[in-house]
C-alpha atoms as a PDB file:
ATOM      1  CA  MET A   1      13.113  30.929  48.312  1.00  0.00           C
ATOM      2  CA  PRO A   2      12.380  28.738  45.268  1.00  0.00           C
ATOM      3  CA  ARG A   3      11.671  30.272  41.914  1.00  0.00           C
ATOM      4  CA  ILE A   4       8.048  30.433  40.722  1.00  0.00           C
ATOM      5  CA  ILE A   5       7.475  30.035  36.982  1.00  0.00           C
ATOM      6  CA  TYR A   6       4.077  30.972  35.541  1.00  0.00           C
ATOM      7  CA  ARG A   7       3.303  29.617  32.068  1.00  0.00           C
ATOM      8  CA  HIS A   8       0.650  31.131  29.821  1.00  0.00           C
ATOM      9  CA  GLN A   9       0.937  28.958  26.743  1.00  0.00           C
ATOM     10  CA  PRO A  10      -1.108  30.117  24.902  1.00  0.00           C
ATOM     11  CA  ALA A  11      -2.168  33.402  26.487  1.00  0.00           C
ATOM     12  CA  THR A  12      -5.772  34.444  25.974  1.00  0.00           C
ATOM     13  CA  ARG A  13      -5.144  38.010  27.165  1.00  0.00           C
ATOM     14  CA  PHE A  14      -1.990  40.141  27.231  1.00  0.00           C
ATOM     15  CA  ILE A  15      -2.679  43.791  28.046  1.00  0.00           C
ATOM     16  CA  VAL A  16      -1.242  46.854  29.701  1.00  0.00           C
ATOM     17  CA  SER A  17      -3.223  49.396  31.677  1.00  0.00           C
ATOM     18  CA  ALA A  18      -2.641  52.256  34.094  1.00  0.00           C
ATOM     19  CA  ILE A  19      -4.343  53.215  37.329  1.00  0.00           C
ATOM     20  CA  GLY A  20      -4.326  56.678  38.863  1.00  0.00           C
ATOM     21  CA  GLU A  21      -4.170  60.291  37.799  1.00  0.00           C
ATOM     22  CA  PRO A  22      -1.767  61.441  35.066  1.00  0.00           C
ATOM     23  CA  GLY A  23       1.621  62.034  36.625  1.00  0.00           C
ATOM     24  CA  GLU A  24       0.929  59.526  39.400  1.00  0.00           C
ATOM     25  CA  ARG A  25      -0.192  56.502  37.394  1.00  0.00           C
ATOM     26  CA  GLU A  26       0.887  52.946  38.101  1.00  0.00           C
ATOM     27  CA  PHE A  27       1.247  50.687  35.072  1.00  0.00           C
ATOM     28  CA  PHE A  28       0.326  47.010  35.083  1.00  0.00           C
ATOM     29  CA  LEU A  29       0.809  44.188  32.615  1.00  0.00           C
ATOM     30  CA  GLN A  30      -1.855  41.505  32.868  1.00  0.00           C
ATOM     31  CA  VAL A  31      -1.534  38.034  31.359  1.00  0.00           C
ATOM     32  CA  LYS A  32      -4.351  35.500  31.288  1.00  0.00           C
ATOM     33  CA  SER A  33      -4.651  31.910  30.100  1.00  0.00           C
ATOM     34  CA  ALA A  34      -6.519  28.771  31.044  1.00  0.00           C
ATOM     35  CA  LEU A  35      -4.095  28.422  33.974  1.00  0.00           C
ATOM     36  CA  GLY A  36      -4.989  31.761  35.584  1.00  0.00           C
ATOM     37  CA  VAL A  37      -4.101  35.450  35.671  1.00  0.00           C
ATOM     38  CA  ASN A  38      -0.846  37.248  36.507  1.00  0.00           C
ATOM     39  CA  THR A  39      -0.689  40.970  37.156  1.00  0.00           C
ATOM     40  CA  LEU A  40       2.772  42.505  36.954  1.00  0.00           C
ATOM     41  CA  ALA A  41       3.849  46.028  37.895  1.00  0.00           C
ATOM     42  CA  ILE A  42       5.719  47.625  34.999  1.00  0.00           C
ATOM     43  CA  GLU A  43       7.308  51.018  34.386  1.00  0.00           C
ATOM     44  CA  LYS A  44       5.985  53.327  31.680  1.00  0.00           C
ATOM     45  CA  GLY A  45       9.387  53.254  29.941  1.00  0.00           C
ATOM     46  CA  GLN A  46       9.276  49.459  29.874  1.00  0.00           C
ATOM     47  CA  VAL A  47       5.818  49.573  28.255  1.00  0.00           C
ATOM     48  CA  ILE A  48       7.130  51.911  25.568  1.00  0.00           C
ATOM     49  CA  ALA A  49      10.234  49.776  24.972  1.00  0.00           C
ATOM     50  CA  LEU A  50       8.229  46.529  24.817  1.00  0.00           C
ATOM     51  CA  SER A  51       5.806  48.031  22.318  1.00  0.00           C
ATOM     52  CA  GLU A  52       8.687  49.303  20.163  1.00  0.00           C
ATOM     53  CA  ARG A  53      10.368  45.866  20.210  1.00  0.00           C
ATOM     54  CA  PHE A  54       7.099  44.196  19.241  1.00  0.00           C
ATOM     55  CA  ASP A  55       6.722  46.618  16.308  1.00  0.00           C
ATOM     56  CA  GLU A  56      10.300  45.841  15.220  1.00  0.00           C
ATOM     57  CA  LEU A  57       9.631  42.106  15.474  1.00  0.00           C
ATOM     58  CA  VAL A  58       6.506  42.310  13.305  1.00  0.00           C
ATOM     59  CA  ARG A  59       8.384  44.402  10.708  1.00  0.00           C
ATOM     60  CA  GLU A  60      11.259  41.917  10.670  1.00  0.00           C
ATOM     61  CA  LEU A  61       8.911  38.939  10.350  1.00  0.00           C
ATOM     62  CA  ARG A  62       7.209  40.647   7.416  1.00  0.00           C
ATOM     63  CA  ARG A  63      10.506  41.614   5.768  1.00  0.00           C
ATOM     64  CA  SER A  64      12.130  38.194   6.180  1.00  0.00           C
ATOM     65  CA  LYS A  65       8.913  36.288   5.387  1.00  0.00           C
ATOM     66  CA  MET A  66       9.347  34.150   8.501  1.00  0.00           C
ATOM     67  CA  ALA A  67       5.616  34.352   9.277  1.00  0.00           C
ATOM     68  CA  SER A  68       2.757  33.510   6.967  1.00  0.00           C
ATOM     69  CA  PRO A  69       0.981  36.375   5.177  1.00  0.00           C
ATOM     70  CA  ASP A  70      -2.295  35.293   6.809  1.00  0.00           C
ATOM     71  CA  GLU A  71      -0.748  35.546  10.259  1.00  0.00           C
ATOM     72  CA  LEU A  72       0.806  38.945   9.503  1.00  0.00           C
ATOM     73  CA  SER A  73      -2.422  40.368   8.079  1.00  0.00           C
ATOM     74  CA  ALA A  74      -4.651  39.081  10.899  1.00  0.00           C
ATOM     75  CA  THR A  75      -6.640  41.897  12.451  1.00  0.00           C
ATOM     76  CA  PRO A  76      -5.632  42.824  16.004  1.00  0.00           C
ATOM     77  CA  VAL A  77      -8.278  42.015  18.595  1.00  0.00           C
ATOM     78  CA  VAL A  78      -9.374  45.213  20.338  1.00  0.00           C
ATOM     79  CA  ASP A  79      -9.399  44.710  24.119  1.00  0.00           C
ATOM     80  CA  ASP A  80     -10.669  47.827  25.887  1.00  0.00           C
ATOM     81  CA  GLU A  81     -11.790  45.979  28.989  1.00  0.00           C
ATOM     82  CA  PRO A  82     -10.285  47.014  32.335  1.00  0.00           C
ATOM     83  CA  LEU A  83      -7.803  44.937  34.285  1.00  0.00           C
ATOM     84  CA  GLU A  84      -9.293  41.925  36.001  1.00  0.00           C
ATOM     85  CA  LEU A  85      -9.843  42.384  39.710  1.00  0.00           C
ATOM     86  CA  PRO A  86      -8.363  42.122  42.250  1.00  0.00           C
ATOM     87  CA  ILE A  87      -5.288  43.997  41.077  1.00  0.00           C
ATOM     88  CA  GLU A  88      -2.535  42.478  43.177  1.00  0.00           C
ATOM     89  CA  GLN A  89       0.882  42.490  41.570  1.00  0.00           C
ATOM     90  CA  ASP A  90       2.763  39.214  41.468  1.00  0.00           C
ATOM     91  CA  PHE A  91       6.056  41.057  41.013  1.00  0.00           C
ATOM     92  CA  GLN A  92       7.774  44.119  39.534  1.00  0.00           C
ATOM     93  CA  VAL A  93       8.945  43.522  35.965  1.00  0.00           C
ATOM     94  CA  GLY A  94      12.710  43.417  35.574  1.00  0.00           C
ATOM     95  CA  ILE A  95      14.074  41.863  32.393  1.00  0.00           C
ATOM     96  CA  ILE A  96      11.946  41.024  29.345  1.00  0.00           C
ATOM     97  CA  SER A  97      13.081  38.827  26.463  1.00  0.00           C
ATOM     98  CA  ILE A  98      11.225  38.241  23.188  1.00  0.00           C
ATOM     99  CA  THR A  99      11.805  35.349  20.781  1.00  0.00           C
ATOM    100  CA  TRP A 100      10.118  33.900  17.704  1.00  0.00           C
ATOM    101  CA  GLU A 101       9.589  30.147  18.063  1.00  0.00           C
ATOM    102  CA  SER A 102       7.324  27.770  16.092  1.00  0.00           C
ATOM    103  CA  ASP A 103       5.257  30.598  14.571  1.00  0.00           C
ATOM    104  CA  LEU A 104       4.609  32.156  18.001  1.00  0.00           C
ATOM    105  CA  VAL A 105       6.040  35.108  19.880  1.00  0.00           C
ATOM    106  CA  VAL A 106       7.480  33.920  23.206  1.00  0.00           C
ATOM    107  CA  VAL A 107       7.846  36.562  25.898  1.00  0.00           C
ATOM    108  CA  ASN A 108       9.812  35.816  29.070  1.00  0.00           C
ATOM    109  CA  ILE A 109       9.204  38.324  31.849  1.00  0.00           C
ATOM    110  CA  GLN A 110      11.517  38.053  34.842  1.00  0.00           C
ATOM    111  CA  ALA A 111      10.974  39.750  38.188  1.00  0.00           C
ATOM    112  CA  ALA A 112      13.220  42.663  39.078  1.00  0.00           C
ATOM    113  CA  SER A 113      16.255  41.542  41.067  1.00  0.00           C
ATOM    114  CA  GLN A 114      19.888  42.304  41.726  1.00  0.00           C
ATOM    115  CA  GLU A 115      20.860  40.045  38.805  1.00  0.00           C
ATOM    116  CA  ASP A 116      21.405  41.662  35.407  1.00  0.00           C
ATOM    117  CA  GLU A 117      20.787  38.596  33.285  1.00  0.00           C
ATOM    118  CA  MET A 118      17.815  36.545  32.184  1.00  0.00           C
ATOM    119  CA  LEU A 119      17.801  33.174  33.936  1.00  0.00           C
ATOM    120  CA  ILE A 120      15.586  30.909  31.833  1.00  0.00           C
ATOM    121  CA  ASP A 121      17.522  27.643  31.986  1.00  0.00           C
ATOM    122  CA  ASP A 122      17.824  27.494  35.773  1.00  0.00           C
ATOM    123  CA  LEU A 123      14.352  26.398  36.840  1.00  0.00           C
ATOM    124  CA  ASP A 124      15.145  26.069  40.549  1.00  0.00           C
ATOM    125  CA  THR A 125      16.709  29.368  41.543  1.00  0.00           C
ATOM    126  CA  GLY A 126      16.457  32.984  40.485  1.00  0.00           C
ATOM    127  CA  PRO A 127      13.725  35.595  40.270  1.00  0.00           C
ATOM    128  CA  ASP A 128      10.153  34.594  39.440  1.00  0.00           C
ATOM    129  CA  LEU A 129       9.381  34.233  35.735  1.00  0.00           C
ATOM    130  CA  VAL A 130       6.309  34.502  33.493  1.00  0.00           C
ATOM    131  CA  ILE A 131       6.473  32.736  30.122  1.00  0.00           C
ATOM    132  CA  VAL A 132       3.875  33.843  27.571  1.00  0.00           C
ATOM    133  CA  THR A 133       3.201  32.657  24.018  1.00  0.00           C
ATOM    134  CA  LEU A 134       1.331  35.038  21.724  1.00  0.00           C
ATOM    135  CA  ARG A 135       0.095  35.127  18.171  1.00  0.00           C
ATOM    136  CA  ILE A 136       1.072  38.097  15.993  1.00  0.00           C
ATOM    137  CA  ASN A 137      -2.399  39.663  16.166  1.00  0.00           C
ATOM    138  CA  GLN A 138      -2.146  39.618  19.999  1.00  0.00           C
ATOM    139  CA  VAL A 139       1.189  41.437  19.743  1.00  0.00           C
ATOM    140  CA  LYS A 140      -0.371  44.057  17.454  1.00  0.00           C
ATOM    141  CA  SER A 141      -3.288  44.420  19.845  1.00  0.00           C
ATOM    142  CA  PHE A 142      -0.882  44.969  22.750  1.00  0.00           C
ATOM    143  CA  CYS A 143       0.908  47.708  20.799  1.00  0.00           C
ATOM    144  CA  LEU A 144      -2.338  49.539  20.009  1.00  0.00           C
ATOM    145  CA  ARG A 145      -3.477  49.463  23.616  1.00  0.00           C
ATOM    146  CA  ALA A 146      -0.021  50.396  24.928  1.00  0.00           C
ATOM    147  CA  SER A 147       0.035  53.446  22.671  1.00  0.00           C
ATOM    148  CA  SER A 148      -3.347  54.666  23.912  1.00  0.00           C
ATOM    149  CA  VAL A 149      -2.485  53.996  27.586  1.00  0.00           C
ATOM    150  CA  VAL A 150       0.875  55.784  27.379  1.00  0.00           C
ATOM    151  CA  ASN A 151      -0.572  58.741  25.454  1.00  0.00           C
ATOM    152  CA  ALA A 152      -3.422  59.154  27.963  1.00  0.00           C
ATOM    153  CA  GLY A 153      -1.003  60.676  30.476  1.00  0.00           C
ATOM    154  CA  ARG A 154       0.137  64.259  30.835  1.00  0.00           C
ATOM    155  CA  PRO A 155       0.580  66.219  27.611  1.00  0.00           C
ATOM    156  CA  ALA A 156       4.129  66.979  26.485  1.00  0.00           C
ATOM    157  CA  CYS A 157       5.485  70.518  26.460  1.00  0.00           C
ATOM    158  CA  PRO A 158       5.836  71.668  22.826  1.00  0.00           C
ATOM    159  CA  PHE A 159       9.240  73.206  23.620  1.00  0.00           C
ATOM    160  CA  CYS A 160      11.073  70.626  25.752  1.00  0.00           C
ATOM    161  CA  SER A 161       8.886  67.491  25.424  1.00  0.00           C
ATOM    162  CA  LEU A 162       8.770  67.052  29.205  1.00  0.00           C
ATOM    163  CA  PRO A 163       5.357  66.283  30.732  1.00  0.00           C
ATOM    164  CA  VAL A 164       3.252  69.284  31.716  1.00  0.00           C
ATOM    165  CA  ASP A 165       1.372  69.098  35.019  1.00  0.00           C
ATOM    166  CA  PRO A 166      -2.082  70.726  35.287  1.00  0.00           C
ATOM    167  CA  ARG A 167      -0.346  73.619  37.118  1.00  0.00           C
ATOM    168  CA  GLY A 168       2.188  73.981  34.282  1.00  0.00           C
ATOM    169  CA  HIS A 169       5.913  73.294  34.551  1.00  0.00           C
ATOM    170  CA  LEU A 170       9.244  75.054  34.621  1.00  0.00           C
ATOM    171  CA  CYS A 171      10.421  74.680  31.057  1.00  0.00           C
ATOM    172  CA  PRO A 172      14.213  74.377  30.703  1.00  0.00           C
ATOM    173  CA  ARG A 173      14.034  75.710  27.133  1.00  0.00           C
ATOM    174  CA  ALA A 174      12.242  78.835  28.377  1.00  0.00           C
ATOM    175  CA  ASN A 175      15.008  79.579  30.890  1.00  0.00           C
ATOM    176  CA  GLY A 176      12.900  78.358  33.797  1.00  0.00           C
ATOM    177  CA  TYR A 177       9.780  80.350  33.007  1.00  0.00           C
ATOM    178  CA  ARG A 178       6.543  78.601  33.803  1.00  0.00           C
ATOM    179  CA  ARG A 179       4.586  77.301  30.806  1.00  0.00           C
END
């Protein structure tokens, strides 16, 4: 099956959201541009890692002065709107790469597959790919929303940091006693 490459250059919306009850939520990454909308299934751990990498990138750009002060100080755009409907995933996120090119953040999101490497140069074969270009304030906005979405889940146990279900949980630090 031929590879499908979606290009959102520039993206007008790049958000993460979750659907479902805490403990059973499904996370989605949604990208929108003039060319359309892509909805990608993503794991909570991937959302956390992507947000951390974005924060590191912004810090490095500030430290190395690779981005203009105006761009770095631009206020993040708050996007509290829900995911656009219908929510039909194009693919499950596999590998994500982030680069800084021509004063833009370029994010390549490859579908999950058996391959363990990002295949950007081979346009004909390989897993589907979404290529997104973002401004720094869009990256900051993503990080703010990702933090609120991730933290809206189950509270963490103060002893072991594992998530606590509404019925409590068996805490390993309390020798299996229910907390």
